[in-house]
Amino acid sequence: MDISVNRITNANIYMDGTGLLGRAEEIQVAQPHHRMVDHKALGMAGTAEFWAGVEKLEAKIKWASLYPEVLSAAGSPFVSHSFQVRGSLAQYTSQGRNAELPVVYLMTGVFKDAGAFTFKQHENVDSTSTITVYHSELYVAGAQMHLYDVLANIYVVNGVDQLAQFRNNLGG
């Protein structure tokens, strides 16, 4: 049995359709994180944990320098921005690289802040923005891994709508 290794070593970020090539040093994307709550009751020998929703989503972008368009976009907490992160997933086996697959992450959210600036002698100024994410999607090789939209009550994992019955029970 061959071992397969996946590697993503670079990406590009787009904000509102504009490429930010070379402007961001790193991005931490938001992934749905399940909120689990304890349940204990008389007659149970232990405690169980059950799903109770999804935690709030946040993303962070570390900028390589000061960019006026980022400062401008981060100025209003009432304007949503769309972000796209595109990477290339290389797959390796003992025979070498056998595939390169597109990885696309989409999110919509508002800036919580532009990030504080640190000035140091002989070093570039950088900052890290925090974004509150309302909508996120992840695709690998064109297949949707997840779709989450907190305001629409949509949570799809591998093509299965996790909240379909919940929305139906609530009347919409």
C-alpha atoms as a PDB file:
ATOM      1  CA  MET A   1       0.000   0.000   0.000  1.00  0.00           C
ATOM      2  CA  ASP A   2       1.455   3.334  -1.073  1.00  0.00           C
ATOM      3  CA  ILE A   3       1.405   6.215   1.331  1.00  0.00           C
ATOM      4  CA  SER A   4       0.022   9.426  -0.154  1.00  0.00           C
ATOM      5  CA  VAL A   5       1.190  12.780   1.205  1.00  0.00           C
ATOM      6  CA  ASN A   6      -0.681  16.039   0.587  1.00  0.00           C
ATOM      7  CA  ARG A   7       1.090  19.414   0.647  1.00  0.00           C
ATOM      8  CA  ILE A   8      -0.088  22.997   0.211  1.00  0.00           C
ATOM      9  CA  THR A   9       2.810  25.395   0.487  1.00  0.00           C
ATOM     10  CA  ASN A  10       1.431  28.635  -0.920  1.00  0.00           C
ATOM     11  CA  ALA A  11      -1.798  30.479  -1.684  1.00  0.00           C
ATOM     12  CA  ASN A  12      -3.194  33.741  -2.969  1.00  0.00           C
ATOM     13  CA  ILE A  13      -5.883  35.863  -1.340  1.00  0.00           C
ATOM     14  CA  TYR A  14      -8.549  37.899  -3.116  1.00  0.00           C
ATOM     15  CA  MET A  15     -10.663  40.557  -1.376  1.00  0.00           C
ATOM     16  CA  ASP A  16     -13.819  41.734  -3.147  1.00  0.00           C
ATOM     17  CA  GLY A  17     -12.455  40.248  -6.380  1.00  0.00           C
ATOM     18  CA  THR A  18      -9.079  41.998  -6.217  1.00  0.00           C
ATOM     19  CA  GLY A  19      -5.953  39.847  -6.001  1.00  0.00           C
ATOM     20  CA  LEU A  20      -3.675  40.556  -3.057  1.00  0.00           C
ATOM     21  CA  LEU A  21      -0.637  38.720  -4.427  1.00  0.00           C
ATOM     22  CA  GLY A  22       2.378  39.394  -2.218  1.00  0.00           C
ATOM     23  CA  ARG A  23       0.483  41.517   0.322  1.00  0.00           C
ATOM     24  CA  ALA A  24      -0.436  38.943   2.957  1.00  0.00           C
ATOM     25  CA  GLU A  25       2.078  36.793   4.815  1.00  0.00           C
ATOM     26  CA  GLU A  26      -0.472  34.324   6.122  1.00  0.00           C
ATOM     27  CA  ILE A  27      -4.163  33.694   6.584  1.00  0.00           C
ATOM     28  CA  GLN A  28      -5.922  31.639   9.209  1.00  0.00           C
ATOM     29  CA  VAL A  29      -9.268  30.713   7.680  1.00  0.00           C
ATOM     30  CA  ALA A  30     -12.400  30.067   9.683  1.00  0.00           C
ATOM     31  CA  GLN A  31     -13.638  26.487   9.866  1.00  0.00           C
ATOM     32  CA  PRO A  32     -16.910  25.516  11.565  1.00  0.00           C
ATOM     33  CA  HIS A  33     -16.162  24.505  15.149  1.00  0.00           C
ATOM     34  CA  HIS A  34     -18.941  22.515  16.818  1.00  0.00           C
ATOM     35  CA  ARG A  35     -20.331  23.749  20.114  1.00  0.00           C
ATOM     36  CA  MET A  36     -20.771  20.727  22.336  1.00  0.00           C
ATOM     37  CA  VAL A  37     -22.648  20.839  25.647  1.00  0.00           C
ATOM     38  CA  ASP A  38     -22.636  18.401  28.527  1.00  0.00           C
ATOM     39  CA  HIS A  39     -25.722  16.427  29.397  1.00  0.00           C
ATOM     40  CA  LYS A  40     -26.042  14.709  32.723  1.00  0.00           C
ATOM     41  CA  ALA A  41     -29.191  13.469  34.357  1.00  0.00           C
ATOM     42  CA  LEU A  42     -30.433  11.245  37.131  1.00  0.00           C
ATOM     43  CA  GLY A  43     -29.987   7.590  36.323  1.00  0.00           C
ATOM     44  CA  MET A  44     -27.014   8.159  33.990  1.00  0.00           C
ATOM     45  CA  ALA A  45     -23.709   6.689  35.125  1.00  0.00           C
ATOM     46  CA  GLY A  46     -21.768   9.396  33.316  1.00  0.00           C
ATOM     47  CA  THR A  47     -21.947  12.555  31.313  1.00  0.00           C
ATOM     48  CA  ALA A  48     -22.422  12.787  27.548  1.00  0.00           C
ATOM     49  CA  GLU A  49     -21.659  15.603  25.148  1.00  0.00           C
ATOM     50  CA  PHE A  50     -24.093  16.616  22.406  1.00  0.00           C
ATOM     51  CA  TRP A  51     -24.019  19.037  19.497  1.00  0.00           C
ATOM     52  CA  ALA A  52     -25.603  22.412  20.281  1.00  0.00           C
ATOM     53  CA  GLY A  53     -24.626  24.543  17.276  1.00  0.00           C
ATOM     54  CA  VAL A  54     -21.578  26.127  15.710  1.00  0.00           C
ATOM     55  CA  GLU A  55     -19.243  28.576  17.433  1.00  0.00           C
ATOM     56  CA  LYS A  56     -18.739  32.029  15.912  1.00  0.00           C
ATOM     57  CA  LEU A  57     -16.269  32.050  13.030  1.00  0.00           C
ATOM     58  CA  GLU A  58     -13.205  34.291  12.862  1.00  0.00           C
ATOM     59  CA  ALA A  59     -10.408  34.560  10.337  1.00  0.00           C
ATOM     60  CA  LYS A  60      -7.073  36.332  10.649  1.00  0.00           C
ATOM     61  CA  ILE A  61      -4.911  37.813   7.904  1.00  0.00           C
ATOM     62  CA  LYS A  62      -1.343  38.869   8.620  1.00  0.00           C
ATOM     63  CA  TRP A  63      -0.422  41.635   6.189  1.00  0.00           C
ATOM     64  CA  ALA A  64       3.149  42.046   4.914  1.00  0.00           C
ATOM     65  CA  SER A  65       2.954  45.842   5.203  1.00  0.00           C
ATOM     66  CA  LEU A  66       0.539  48.773   5.418  1.00  0.00           C
ATOM     67  CA  TYR A  67      -2.020  48.832   2.590  1.00  0.00           C
ATOM     68  CA  PRO A  68      -4.483  51.753   2.271  1.00  0.00           C
ATOM     69  CA  GLU A  69      -7.140  49.577   0.581  1.00  0.00           C
ATOM     70  CA  VAL A  70      -7.112  47.206   3.571  1.00  0.00           C
ATOM     71  CA  LEU A  71      -7.294  50.086   6.043  1.00  0.00           C
ATOM     72  CA  SER A  72     -10.195  51.537   4.077  1.00  0.00           C
ATOM     73  CA  ALA A  73     -12.051  48.210   3.886  1.00  0.00           C
ATOM     74  CA  ALA A  74     -11.522  47.608   7.607  1.00  0.00           C
ATOM     75  CA  GLY A  75     -12.931  51.013   8.507  1.00  0.00           C
ATOM     76  CA  SER A  76     -16.605  50.055   8.640  1.00  0.00           C
ATOM     77  CA  PRO A  77     -18.038  47.221  10.747  1.00  0.00           C
ATOM     78  CA  PHE A  78     -21.229  47.385   8.632  1.00  0.00           C
ATOM     79  CA  VAL A  79     -19.796  46.539   5.217  1.00  0.00           C
ATOM     80  CA  SER A  80     -19.264  42.879   4.355  1.00  0.00           C
ATOM     81  CA  HIS A  81     -16.356  41.826   2.186  1.00  0.00           C
ATOM     82  CA  SER A  82     -15.859  38.657   0.183  1.00  0.00           C
ATOM     83  CA  PHE A  83     -12.574  36.784   0.439  1.00  0.00           C
ATOM     84  CA  GLN A  84     -11.226  33.947  -1.647  1.00  0.00           C
ATOM     85  CA  VAL A  85      -8.134  31.909  -0.838  1.00  0.00           C
ATOM     86  CA  ARG A  86      -6.757  29.768  -3.640  1.00  0.00           C
ATOM     87  CA  GLY A  87      -4.068  27.141  -3.197  1.00  0.00           C
ATOM     88  CA  SER A  88      -2.657  24.157  -5.019  1.00  0.00           C
ATOM     89  CA  LEU A  89      -2.691  20.799  -3.247  1.00  0.00           C
ATOM     90  CA  ALA A  90       0.189  18.612  -4.419  1.00  0.00           C
ATOM     91  CA  GLN A  91      -0.175  14.877  -3.827  1.00  0.00           C
ATOM     92  CA  TYR A  92       2.932  12.701  -3.583  1.00  0.00           C
ATOM     93  CA  THR A  93       3.479   8.955  -3.511  1.00  0.00           C
ATOM     94  CA  SER A  94       6.655   6.889  -3.788  1.00  0.00           C
ATOM     95  CA  GLN A  95       6.411   7.547  -7.533  1.00  0.00           C
ATOM     96  CA  GLY A  96       6.686  11.330  -7.030  1.00  0.00           C
ATOM     97  CA  ARG A  97       4.039  13.998  -7.457  1.00  0.00           C
ATOM     98  CA  ASN A  98       1.001  12.359  -8.996  1.00  0.00           C
ATOM     99  CA  ALA A  99      -1.573  15.187  -8.791  1.00  0.00           C
ATOM    100  CA  GLU A 100      -2.062  18.909  -8.296  1.00  0.00           C
ATOM    101  CA  LEU A 101      -5.561  19.818  -7.155  1.00  0.00           C
ATOM    102  CA  PRO A 102      -7.167  23.234  -6.651  1.00  0.00           C
ATOM    103  CA  VAL A 103      -8.166  24.204  -3.111  1.00  0.00           C
ATOM    104  CA  VAL A 104     -10.586  27.131  -2.863  1.00  0.00           C
ATOM    105  CA  TYR A 105     -11.833  28.685   0.346  1.00  0.00           C
ATOM    106  CA  LEU A 106     -14.559  31.347   0.208  1.00  0.00           C
ATOM    107  CA  MET A 107     -15.733  33.541   3.047  1.00  0.00           C
ATOM    108  CA  THR A 108     -17.833  36.633   3.611  1.00  0.00           C
ATOM    109  CA  GLY A 109     -17.494  38.760   6.708  1.00  0.00           C
ATOM    110  CA  VAL A 110     -16.742  42.106   8.282  1.00  0.00           C
ATOM    111  CA  PHE A 111     -13.476  43.402   9.656  1.00  0.00           C
ATOM    112  CA  LYS A 112     -13.335  43.537  13.446  1.00  0.00           C
ATOM    113  CA  ASP A 113     -10.157  45.558  13.126  1.00  0.00           C
ATOM    114  CA  ALA A 114      -7.360  46.393  10.705  1.00  0.00           C
ATOM    115  CA  GLY A 115      -4.734  45.305  13.214  1.00  0.00           C
ATOM    116  CA  ALA A 116      -2.228  47.272  15.236  1.00  0.00           C
ATOM    117  CA  PHE A 117       1.049  48.290  13.610  1.00  0.00           C
ATOM    118  CA  THR A 118       4.447  47.565  15.075  1.00  0.00           C
ATOM    119  CA  PHE A 119       7.311  49.767  13.949  1.00  0.00           C
ATOM    120  CA  LYS A 120      10.841  48.378  14.407  1.00  0.00           C
ATOM    121  CA  GLN A 121      14.135  49.635  13.062  1.00  0.00           C
ATOM    122  CA  HIS A 122      15.182  47.869   9.846  1.00  0.00           C
ATOM    123  CA  GLU A 123      12.014  45.734   9.788  1.00  0.00           C
ATOM    124  CA  ASN A 124       8.890  45.989   7.712  1.00  0.00           C
ATOM    125  CA  VAL A 125       5.691  47.077   9.451  1.00  0.00           C
ATOM    126  CA  ASP A 126       3.110  44.325   9.605  1.00  0.00           C
ATOM    127  CA  SER A 127      -0.352  43.957  11.103  1.00  0.00           C
ATOM    128  CA  THR A 128      -2.966  41.259  11.579  1.00  0.00           C
ATOM    129  CA  SER A 129      -6.628  41.883  10.754  1.00  0.00           C
ATOM    130  CA  THR A 130      -9.435  39.949  12.395  1.00  0.00           C
ATOM    131  CA  ILE A 131     -12.567  39.198  10.377  1.00  0.00           C
ATOM    132  CA  THR A 132     -15.918  38.039  11.721  1.00  0.00           C
ATOM    133  CA  VAL A 133     -17.081  35.423   9.224  1.00  0.00           C
ATOM    134  CA  TYR A 134     -20.761  34.908   8.401  1.00  0.00           C
ATOM    135  CA  HIS A 135     -20.379  32.570   5.415  1.00  0.00           C
ATOM    136  CA  SER A 136     -17.658  30.054   4.531  1.00  0.00           C
ATOM    137  CA  GLU A 137     -17.148  27.356   1.894  1.00  0.00           C
ATOM    138  CA  LEU A 138     -14.274  24.963   1.241  1.00  0.00           C
ATOM    139  CA  TYR A 139     -13.692  23.128  -2.055  1.00  0.00           C
ATOM    140  CA  VAL A 140     -10.979  20.553  -2.827  1.00  0.00           C
ATOM    141  CA  ALA A 141     -10.662  19.516  -6.480  1.00  0.00           C
ATOM    142  CA  GLY A 142     -14.099  21.038  -7.128  1.00  0.00           C
ATOM    143  CA  ALA A 143     -15.835  18.981  -4.415  1.00  0.00           C
ATOM    144  CA  GLN A 144     -17.509  20.987  -1.671  1.00  0.00           C
ATOM    145  CA  MET A 145     -16.183  19.932   1.737  1.00  0.00           C
ATOM    146  CA  HIS A 146     -18.371  22.337   3.707  1.00  0.00           C
ATOM    147  CA  LEU A 147     -20.730  25.276   3.351  1.00  0.00           C
ATOM    148  CA  TYR A 148     -21.693  27.222   6.447  1.00  0.00           C
ATOM    149  CA  ASP A 149     -23.844  30.347   6.624  1.00  0.00           C
ATOM    150  CA  VAL A 150     -24.842  31.439  10.125  1.00  0.00           C
ATOM    151  CA  LEU A 151     -27.489  33.961   9.018  1.00  0.00           C
ATOM    152  CA  ALA A 152     -29.211  31.521   6.631  1.00  0.00           C
ATOM    153  CA  ASN A 153     -29.016  28.551   9.052  1.00  0.00           C
ATOM    154  CA  ILE A 154     -27.209  26.483   6.425  1.00  0.00           C
ATOM    155  CA  TYR A 155     -24.556  23.903   7.271  1.00  0.00           C
ATOM    156  CA  VAL A 156     -23.663  21.416   4.538  1.00  0.00           C
ATOM    157  CA  VAL A 157     -20.915  18.820   5.047  1.00  0.00           C
ATOM    158  CA  ASN A 158     -19.886  16.596   2.111  1.00  0.00           C
ATOM    159  CA  GLY A 159     -23.161  17.382   0.327  1.00  0.00           C
ATOM    160  CA  VAL A 160     -25.399  16.584   3.315  1.00  0.00           C
ATOM    161  CA  ASP A 161     -27.476  19.456   4.716  1.00  0.00           C
ATOM    162  CA  GLN A 162     -26.962  19.073   8.457  1.00  0.00           C
ATOM    163  CA  LEU A 163     -29.745  21.561   9.337  1.00  0.00           C
ATOM    164  CA  ALA A 164     -32.483  20.646   6.832  1.00  0.00           C
ATOM    165  CA  GLN A 165     -34.741  19.019   9.434  1.00  0.00           C
ATOM    166  CA  PHE A 166     -33.957  21.749  11.986  1.00  0.00           C
ATOM    167  CA  ARG A 167     -35.055  24.476   9.527  1.00  0.00           C
ATOM    168  CA  ASN A 168     -38.156  22.433   8.648  1.00  0.00           C
ATOM    169  CA  ASN A 169     -39.033  22.008  12.331  1.00  0.00           C
ATOM    170  CA  LEU A 170     -38.753  25.782  12.806  1.00  0.00           C
ATOM    171  CA  GLY A 171     -41.093  26.420   9.871  1.00  0.00           C
ATOM    172  CA  GLY A 172     -38.619  27.618   7.283  1.00  0.00           C
END
